[in-house]
PDB file of N, CA and C in Angstrom:
ATOM      1  N   MET A   1      95.955  77.914  87.432  1.00  0.00           N
ATOM      2  CA  MET A   1      94.514  77.930  87.648  1.00  0.00           C
ATOM      3  C   MET A   1      94.179  78.863  88.809  1.00  0.00           C
ATOM      4  N   ASN A   2      93.104  79.567  88.670  1.00  0.00           N
ATOM      5  CA  ASN A   2      92.665  80.520  89.684  1.00  0.00           C
ATOM      6  C   ASN A   2      92.083  79.783  90.897  1.00  0.00           C
ATOM      7  N   ASP A   3      92.468  80.216  92.088  1.00  0.00           N
ATOM      8  CA  ASP A   3      91.968  79.628  93.334  1.00  0.00           C
ATOM      9  C   ASP A   3      90.555  80.148  93.588  1.00  0.00           C
ATOM     10  N   PRO A   4      89.536  79.273  93.647  1.00  0.00           N
ATOM     11  CA  PRO A   4      88.165  79.751  93.860  1.00  0.00           C
ATOM     12  C   PRO A   4      87.927  80.311  95.268  1.00  0.00           C
ATOM     13  N   ILE A   5      88.804  80.004  96.222  1.00  0.00           N
ATOM     14  CA  ILE A   5      88.653  80.507  97.579  1.00  0.00           C
ATOM     15  C   ILE A   5      89.310  81.879  97.721  1.00  0.00           C
ATOM     16  N   LYS A   6      90.420  82.075  97.049  1.00  0.00           N
ATOM     17  CA  LYS A   6      91.132  83.360  97.061  1.00  0.00           C
ATOM     18  C   LYS A   6      91.415  83.755  95.608  1.00  0.00           C
ATOM     19  N   PRO A   7      90.374  84.155  94.867  1.00  0.00           N
ATOM     20  CA  PRO A   7      90.551  84.431  93.443  1.00  0.00           C
ATOM     21  C   PRO A   7      91.485  85.618  93.187  1.00  0.00           C
ATOM     22  N   SER A   8      92.259  85.501  92.140  1.00  0.00           N
ATOM     23  CA  SER A   8      93.276  86.510  91.829  1.00  0.00           C
ATOM     24  C   SER A   8      92.686  87.883  91.522  1.00  0.00           C
ATOM     25  N   HIS A   9      91.426  87.950  91.101  1.00  0.00           N
ATOM     26  CA  HIS A   9      90.860  89.253  90.751  1.00  0.00           C
ATOM     27  C   HIS A   9      90.639  90.161  91.961  1.00  0.00           C
ATOM     28  N   TYR A  10      90.766  89.635  93.186  1.00  0.00           N
ATOM     29  CA  TYR A  10      90.662  90.470  94.390  1.00  0.00           C
ATOM     30  C   TYR A  10      92.020  91.008  94.829  1.00  0.00           C
ATOM     31  N   PHE A  11      93.092  90.467  94.272  1.00  0.00           N
ATOM     32  CA  PHE A  11      94.439  90.855  94.663  1.00  0.00           C
ATOM     33  C   PHE A  11      94.972  91.944  93.731  1.00  0.00           C
ATOM     34  N   PRO A  12      95.998  92.668  94.172  1.00  0.00           N
ATOM     35  CA  PRO A  12      96.536  93.765  93.363  1.00  0.00           C
ATOM     36  C   PRO A  12      96.955  93.302  91.970  1.00  0.00           C
ATOM     37  N   GLN A  13      96.632  94.118  91.001  1.00  0.00           N
ATOM     38  CA  GLN A  13      97.013  93.841  89.624  1.00  0.00           C
ATOM     39  C   GLN A  13      98.161  94.751  89.187  1.00  0.00           C
ATOM     40  N   ASP A  14      98.672  95.529  90.154  1.00  0.00           N
ATOM     41  CA  ASP A  14      99.748  96.473  89.867  1.00  0.00           C
ATOM     42  C   ASP A  14     100.683  96.539  91.075  1.00  0.00           C
ATOM     43  N   ASP A  15     101.445  97.598  91.203  1.00  0.00           N
ATOM     44  CA  ASP A  15     102.409  97.747  92.296  1.00  0.00           C
ATOM     45  C   ASP A  15     101.783  98.276  93.583  1.00  0.00           C
ATOM     46  N   SER A  16     100.487  98.518  93.596  1.00  0.00           N
ATOM     47  CA  SER A  16      99.840  99.174  94.740  1.00  0.00           C
ATOM     48  C   SER A  16      99.828  98.316  96.001  1.00  0.00           C
ATOM     49  N   ASN A  17      99.812  96.987  95.838  1.00  0.00           N
ATOM     50  CA  ASN A  17      99.730  96.055  96.968  1.00  0.00           C
ATOM     51  C   ASN A  17      98.419  96.219  97.747  1.00  0.00           C
ATOM     52  N   ILE A  18      97.388  96.737  97.089  1.00  0.00           N
ATOM     53  CA  ILE A  18      96.081  96.945  97.726  1.00  0.00           C
ATOM     54  C   ILE A  18      95.141  95.823  97.321  1.00  0.00           C
ATOM     55  N   HIS A  19      94.670  95.077  98.321  1.00  0.00           N
ATOM     56  CA  HIS A  19      93.689  94.015  98.118  1.00  0.00           C
ATOM     57  C   HIS A  19      92.304  94.664  98.053  1.00  0.00           C
ATOM     58  N   CYS A  20      91.410  94.093  97.290  1.00  0.00           N
ATOM     59  CA  CYS A  20      90.057  94.633  97.140  1.00  0.00           C
ATOM     60  C   CYS A  20      89.387  94.876  98.495  1.00  0.00           C
ATOM     61  N   HIS A  21      89.519  93.928  99.435  1.00  0.00           N
ATOM     62  CA  HIS A  21      88.861  94.088 100.733  1.00  0.00           C
ATOM     63  C   HIS A  21      89.459  95.239 101.545  1.00  0.00           C
ATOM     64  N   HIS A  22      90.745  95.521 101.353  1.00  0.00           N
ATOM     65  CA  HIS A  22      91.348  96.676 102.034  1.00  0.00           C
ATOM     66  C   HIS A  22      90.785  97.982 101.465  1.00  0.00           C
ATOM     67  N   ALA A  23      90.581  98.013 100.168  1.00  0.00           N
ATOM     68  CA  ALA A  23      89.979  99.197  99.544  1.00  0.00           C
ATOM     69  C   ALA A  23      88.545  99.381 100.022  1.00  0.00           C
ATOM     70  N   GLN A  24      87.798  98.265 100.139  1.00  0.00           N
ATOM     71  CA  GLN A  24      86.424  98.346 100.655  1.00  0.00           C
ATOM     72  C   GLN A  24      86.418  98.887 102.082  1.00  0.00           C
ATOM     73  N   LEU A  25      87.305  98.392 102.912  1.00  0.00           N
ATOM     74  CA  LEU A  25      87.384  98.839 104.298  1.00  0.00           C
ATOM     75  C   LEU A  25      87.697 100.327 104.363  1.00  0.00           C
ATOM     76  N   ALA A  26      88.636 100.773 103.564  1.00  0.00           N
ATOM     77  CA  ALA A  26      89.009 102.192 103.557  1.00  0.00           C
ATOM     78  C   ALA A  26      87.851 103.078 103.097  1.00  0.00           C
ATOM     79  N   GLN A  27      87.083 102.622 102.142  1.00  0.00           N
ATOM     80  CA  GLN A  27      85.986 103.413 101.598  1.00  0.00           C
ATOM     81  C   GLN A  27      84.710 103.350 102.430  1.00  0.00           C
ATOM     82  N   MET A  28      84.411 102.175 102.985  1.00  0.00           N
ATOM     83  CA  MET A  28      83.108 101.947 103.600  1.00  0.00           C
ATOM     84  C   MET A  28      83.140 101.853 105.122  1.00  0.00           C
ATOM     85  N   GLY A  29      84.281 101.531 105.690  1.00  0.00           N
ATOM     86  CA  GLY A  29      84.396 101.469 107.137  1.00  0.00           C
ATOM     87  C   GLY A  29      84.211 100.074 107.712  1.00  0.00           C
ATOM     88  N   THR A  30      84.537  99.982 108.985  1.00  0.00           N
ATOM     89  CA  THR A  30      84.555  98.711 109.693  1.00  0.00           C
ATOM     90  C   THR A  30      83.179  98.071 109.799  1.00  0.00           C
ATOM     91  N   ASP A  31      82.162  98.846 110.145  1.00  0.00           N
ATOM     92  CA  ASP A  31      80.822  98.268 110.294  1.00  0.00           C
ATOM     93  C   ASP A  31      80.351  97.609 109.004  1.00  0.00           C
ATOM     94  N   TYR A  32      80.612  98.262 107.879  1.00  0.00           N
ATOM     95  CA  TYR A  32      80.249  97.681 106.589  1.00  0.00           C
ATOM     96  C   TYR A  32      80.971  96.358 106.377  1.00  0.00           C
ATOM     97  N   MET A  33      82.282  96.331 106.646  1.00  0.00           N
ATOM     98  CA  MET A  33      83.053  95.120 106.387  1.00  0.00           C
ATOM     99  C   MET A  33      82.647  93.981 107.314  1.00  0.00           C
ATOM    100  N   ILE A  34      82.296  94.297 108.550  1.00  0.00           N
ATOM    101  CA  ILE A  34      81.796  93.253 109.447  1.00  0.00           C
ATOM    102  C   ILE A  34      80.526  92.651 108.853  1.00  0.00           C
ATOM    103  N   GLY A  35      79.606  93.496 108.418  1.00  0.00           N
ATOM    104  CA  GLY A  35      78.367  93.023 107.801  1.00  0.00           C
ATOM    105  C   GLY A  35      78.618  92.264 106.509  1.00  0.00           C
ATOM    106  N   TYR A  36      79.577  92.731 105.716  1.00  0.00           N
ATOM    107  CA  TYR A  36      79.921  92.085 104.446  1.00  0.00           C
ATOM    108  C   TYR A  36      80.408  90.654 104.682  1.00  0.00           C
ATOM    109  N   HIS A  37      81.352  90.502 105.590  1.00  0.00           N
ATOM    110  CA  HIS A  37      81.885  89.163 105.866  1.00  0.00           C
ATOM    111  C   HIS A  37      80.828  88.269 106.507  1.00  0.00           C
ATOM    112  N   TRP A  38      80.093  88.812 107.445  1.00  0.00           N
ATOM    113  CA  TRP A  38      79.045  88.044 108.128  1.00  0.00           C
ATOM    114  C   TRP A  38      78.003  87.564 107.106  1.00  0.00           C
ATOM    115  N   GLY A  39      77.575  88.467 106.238  1.00  0.00           N
ATOM    116  CA  GLY A  39      76.597  88.107 105.206  1.00  0.00           C
ATOM    117  C   GLY A  39      77.114  87.025 104.277  1.00  0.00           C
ATOM    118  N   ASN A  40      78.380  87.108 103.892  1.00  0.00           N
ATOM    119  CA  ASN A  40      78.947  86.087 103.012  1.00  0.00           C
ATOM    120  C   ASN A  40      79.082  84.746 103.718  1.00  0.00           C
ATOM    121  N   ILE A  41      79.412  84.759 105.011  1.00  0.00           N
ATOM    122  CA  ILE A  41      79.464  83.509 105.768  1.00  0.00           C
ATOM    123  C   ILE A  41      78.099  82.831 105.731  1.00  0.00           C
ATOM    124  N   ILE A  42      77.061  83.597 106.015  1.00  0.00           N
ATOM    125  CA  ILE A  42      75.693  83.052 106.002  1.00  0.00           C
ATOM    126  C   ILE A  42      75.350  82.515 104.616  1.00  0.00           C
ATOM    127  N   LYS A  43      75.651  83.297 103.575  1.00  0.00           N
ATOM    128  CA  LYS A  43      75.332  82.896 102.200  1.00  0.00           C
ATOM    129  C   LYS A  43      75.992  81.577 101.829  1.00  0.00           C
ATOM    130  N   TYR A  44      77.281  81.450 102.081  1.00  0.00           N
ATOM    131  CA  TYR A  44      77.992  80.244 101.669  1.00  0.00           C
ATOM    132  C   TYR A  44      77.584  79.023 102.477  1.00  0.00           C
ATOM    133  N   VAL A  45      77.340  79.201 103.777  1.00  0.00           N
ATOM    134  CA  VAL A  45      76.879  78.071 104.590  1.00  0.00           C
ATOM    135  C   VAL A  45      75.469  77.665 104.173  1.00  0.00           C
ATOM    136  N   TRP A  46      74.652  78.644 103.840  1.00  0.00           N
ATOM    137  CA  TRP A  46      73.268  78.393 103.443  1.00  0.00           C
ATOM    138  C   TRP A  46      73.189  77.522 102.188  1.00  0.00           C
ATOM    139  N   ARG A  47      74.041  77.812 101.216  1.00  0.00           N
ATOM    140  CA  ARG A  47      73.892  77.186  99.897  1.00  0.00           C
ATOM    141  C   ARG A  47      74.823  76.009  99.629  1.00  0.00           C
ATOM    142  N   TRP A  48      75.739  75.697 100.525  1.00  0.00           N
ATOM    143  CA  TRP A  48      76.794  74.731 100.211  1.00  0.00           C
ATOM    144  C   TRP A  48      76.268  73.390  99.721  1.00  0.00           C
ATOM    145  N   GLN A  49      75.165  72.912 100.277  1.00  0.00           N
ATOM    146  CA  GLN A  49      74.644  71.601  99.867  1.00  0.00           C
ATOM    147  C   GLN A  49      73.968  71.633  98.500  1.00  0.00           C
ATOM    148  N   ARG A  50      73.545  72.796  98.056  1.00  0.00           N
ATOM    149  CA  ARG A  50      72.818  72.907  96.792  1.00  0.00           C
ATOM    150  C   ARG A  50      73.661  73.473  95.652  1.00  0.00           C
ATOM    151  N   LYS A  51      74.848  74.020  95.972  1.00  0.00           N
ATOM    152  CA  LYS A  51      75.595  74.648  94.903  1.00  0.00           C
ATOM    153  C   LYS A  51      77.007  74.080  94.752  1.00  0.00           C
ATOM    154  N   ASN A  52      77.938  74.537  95.559  1.00  0.00           N
ATOM    155  CA  ASN A  52      79.335  74.182  95.321  1.00  0.00           C
ATOM    156  C   ASN A  52      79.958  73.294  96.386  1.00  0.00           C
ATOM    157  N   GLY A  53      79.159  72.717  97.267  1.00  0.00           N
ATOM    158  CA  GLY A  53      79.679  71.771  98.255  1.00  0.00           C
ATOM    159  C   GLY A  53      80.781  72.349  99.131  1.00  0.00           C
ATOM    160  N   VAL A  54      81.845  71.580  99.268  1.00  0.00           N
ATOM    161  CA  VAL A  54      82.953  71.941 100.151  1.00  0.00           C
ATOM    162  C   VAL A  54      83.580  73.281  99.753  1.00  0.00           C
ATOM    163  N   GLU A  55      83.589  73.588  98.477  1.00  0.00           N
ATOM    164  CA  GLU A  55      84.141  74.881  98.029  1.00  0.00           C
ATOM    165  C   GLU A  55      83.428  76.038  98.728  1.00  0.00           C
ATOM    166  N   ASP A  56      82.102  75.975  98.830  1.00  0.00           N
ATOM    167  CA  ASP A  56      81.367  77.038  99.517  1.00  0.00           C
ATOM    168  C   ASP A  56      81.686  77.066 101.008  1.00  0.00           C
ATOM    169  N   LEU A  57      81.899  75.910 101.626  1.00  0.00           N
ATOM    170  CA  LEU A  57      82.289  75.885 103.037  1.00  0.00           C
ATOM    171  C   LEU A  57      83.665  76.524 103.220  1.00  0.00           C
ATOM    172  N   LYS A  58      84.561  76.296 102.267  1.00  0.00           N
ATOM    173  CA  LYS A  58      85.880  76.930 102.325  1.00  0.00           C
ATOM    174  C   LYS A  58      85.767  78.446 102.162  1.00  0.00           C
ATOM    175  N   LYS A  59      84.876  78.874 101.282  1.00  0.00           N
ATOM    176  CA  LYS A  59      84.662  80.314 101.105  1.00  0.00           C
ATOM    177  C   LYS A  59      84.103  80.922 102.391  1.00  0.00           C
ATOM    178  N   ALA A  60      83.166  80.233 103.030  1.00  0.00           N
ATOM    179  CA  ALA A  60      82.635  80.695 104.315  1.00  0.00           C
ATOM    180  C   ALA A  60      83.760  80.787 105.330  1.00  0.00           C
ATOM    181  N   GLY A  61      84.623  79.791 105.339  1.00  0.00           N
ATOM    182  CA  GLY A  61      85.763  79.787 106.248  1.00  0.00           C
ATOM    183  C   GLY A  61      86.712  80.942 105.998  1.00  0.00           C
ATOM    184  N   GLU A  62      86.931  81.278 104.738  1.00  0.00           N
ATOM    185  CA  GLU A  62      87.804  82.407 104.405  1.00  0.00           C
ATOM    186  C   GLU A  62      87.195  83.716 104.891  1.00  0.00           C
ATOM    187  N   HIS A  63      85.890  83.878 104.725  1.00  0.00           N
ATOM    188  CA  HIS A  63      85.238  85.095 105.230  1.00  0.00           C
ATOM    189  C   HIS A  63      85.246  85.123 106.755  1.00  0.00           C
ATOM    190  N   LEU A  64      85.118  83.970 107.387  1.00  0.00           N
ATOM    191  CA  LEU A  64      85.211  83.910 108.843  1.00  0.00           C
ATOM    192  C   LEU A  64      86.619  84.302 109.296  1.00  0.00           C
ATOM    193  N   ARG A  65      87.630  83.821 108.594  1.00  0.00           N
ATOM    194  CA  ARG A  65      89.014  84.195 108.910  1.00  0.00           C
ATOM    195  C   ARG A  65      89.207  85.710 108.814  1.00  0.00           C
ATOM    196  N   MET A  66      88.689  86.303 107.749  1.00  0.00           N
ATOM    197  CA  MET A  66      88.821  87.754 107.573  1.00  0.00           C
ATOM    198  C   MET A  66      88.027  88.516 108.630  1.00  0.00           C
ATOM    199  N   LEU A  67      86.849  88.017 108.994  1.00  0.00           N
ATOM    200  CA  LEU A  67      86.046  88.648 110.041  1.00  0.00           C
ATOM    201  C   LEU A  67      86.784  88.600 111.377  1.00  0.00           C
ATOM    202  N   ILE A  68      87.361  87.458 111.707  1.00  0.00           N
ATOM    203  CA  ILE A  68      88.123  87.330 112.949  1.00  0.00           C
ATOM    204  C   ILE A  68      89.296  88.312 112.952  1.00  0.00           C
ATOM    205  N   GLU A  69      90.005  88.393 111.844  1.00  0.00           N
ATOM    206  CA  GLU A  69      91.135  89.315 111.722  1.00  0.00           C
ATOM    207  C   GLU A  69      90.688  90.760 111.949  1.00  0.00           C
ATOM    208  N   LEU A  70      89.562  91.130 111.362  1.00  0.00           N
ATOM    209  CA  LEU A  70      89.032  92.489 111.500  1.00  0.00           C
ATOM    210  C   LEU A  70      88.631  92.775 112.936  1.00  0.00           C
ATOM    211  N   VAL A  71      87.886  91.891 113.558  1.00  0.00           N
ATOM    212  CA  VAL A  71      87.413  92.092 114.932  1.00  0.00           C
ATOM    213  C   VAL A  71      88.582  92.079 115.909  1.00  0.00           C
ATOM    214  N   LYS A  72      89.519  91.193 115.687  1.00  0.00           N
ATOM    215  CA  LYS A  72      90.714  91.122 116.528  1.00  0.00           C
ATOM    216  C   LYS A  72      91.473  92.447 116.480  1.00  0.00           C
ATOM    217  N   GLY A  73      91.588  93.016 115.290  1.00  0.00           N
ATOM    218  CA  GLY A  73      92.246  94.314 115.143  1.00  0.00           C
ATOM    219  C   GLY A  73      91.526  95.409 115.912  1.00  0.00           C
ATOM    220  N   LEU A  74      90.206  95.370 115.931  1.00  0.00           N
ATOM    221  CA  LEU A  74      89.429  96.353 116.692  1.00  0.00           C
ATOM    222  C   LEU A  74      89.663  96.200 118.185  1.00  0.00           C
ATOM    223  N   GLU A  75      89.703  94.953 118.650  1.00  0.00           N
ATOM    224  CA  GLU A  75      89.890  94.689 120.063  1.00  0.00           C
ATOM    225  C   GLU A  75      91.284  95.081 120.528  1.00  0.00           C
ATOM    226  N   GLU A  76      92.262  94.946 119.666  1.00  0.00           N
ATOM    227  CA  GLU A  76      93.645  95.286 120.010  1.00  0.00           C
ATOM    228  C   GLU A  76      93.896  96.780 119.933  1.00  0.00           C
ATOM    229  N   GLY A  77      92.966  97.498 119.291  1.00  0.00           N
ATOM    230  CA  GLY A  77      93.050  98.944 119.202  1.00  0.00           C
ATOM    231  C   GLY A  77      93.883  99.392 118.085  1.00  0.00           C
TER     232      GLY A  77
END
């Protein structure tokens, strides 16, 4: 069964080992990805009580994890 928090369609489907978010970062840049993750955090927290409950909170948490990873990488240089 596909994990709704880390769905398989974002992961490499071949030998490239390139995750969808890494491709987005390479194409669009850091500022875009910060906004992307931040926007998704807001979206999932906003709707969790009306749509998917805890699943949406987990999705928000996953985007927060990725945002922290991205910002931490910037701070470390």
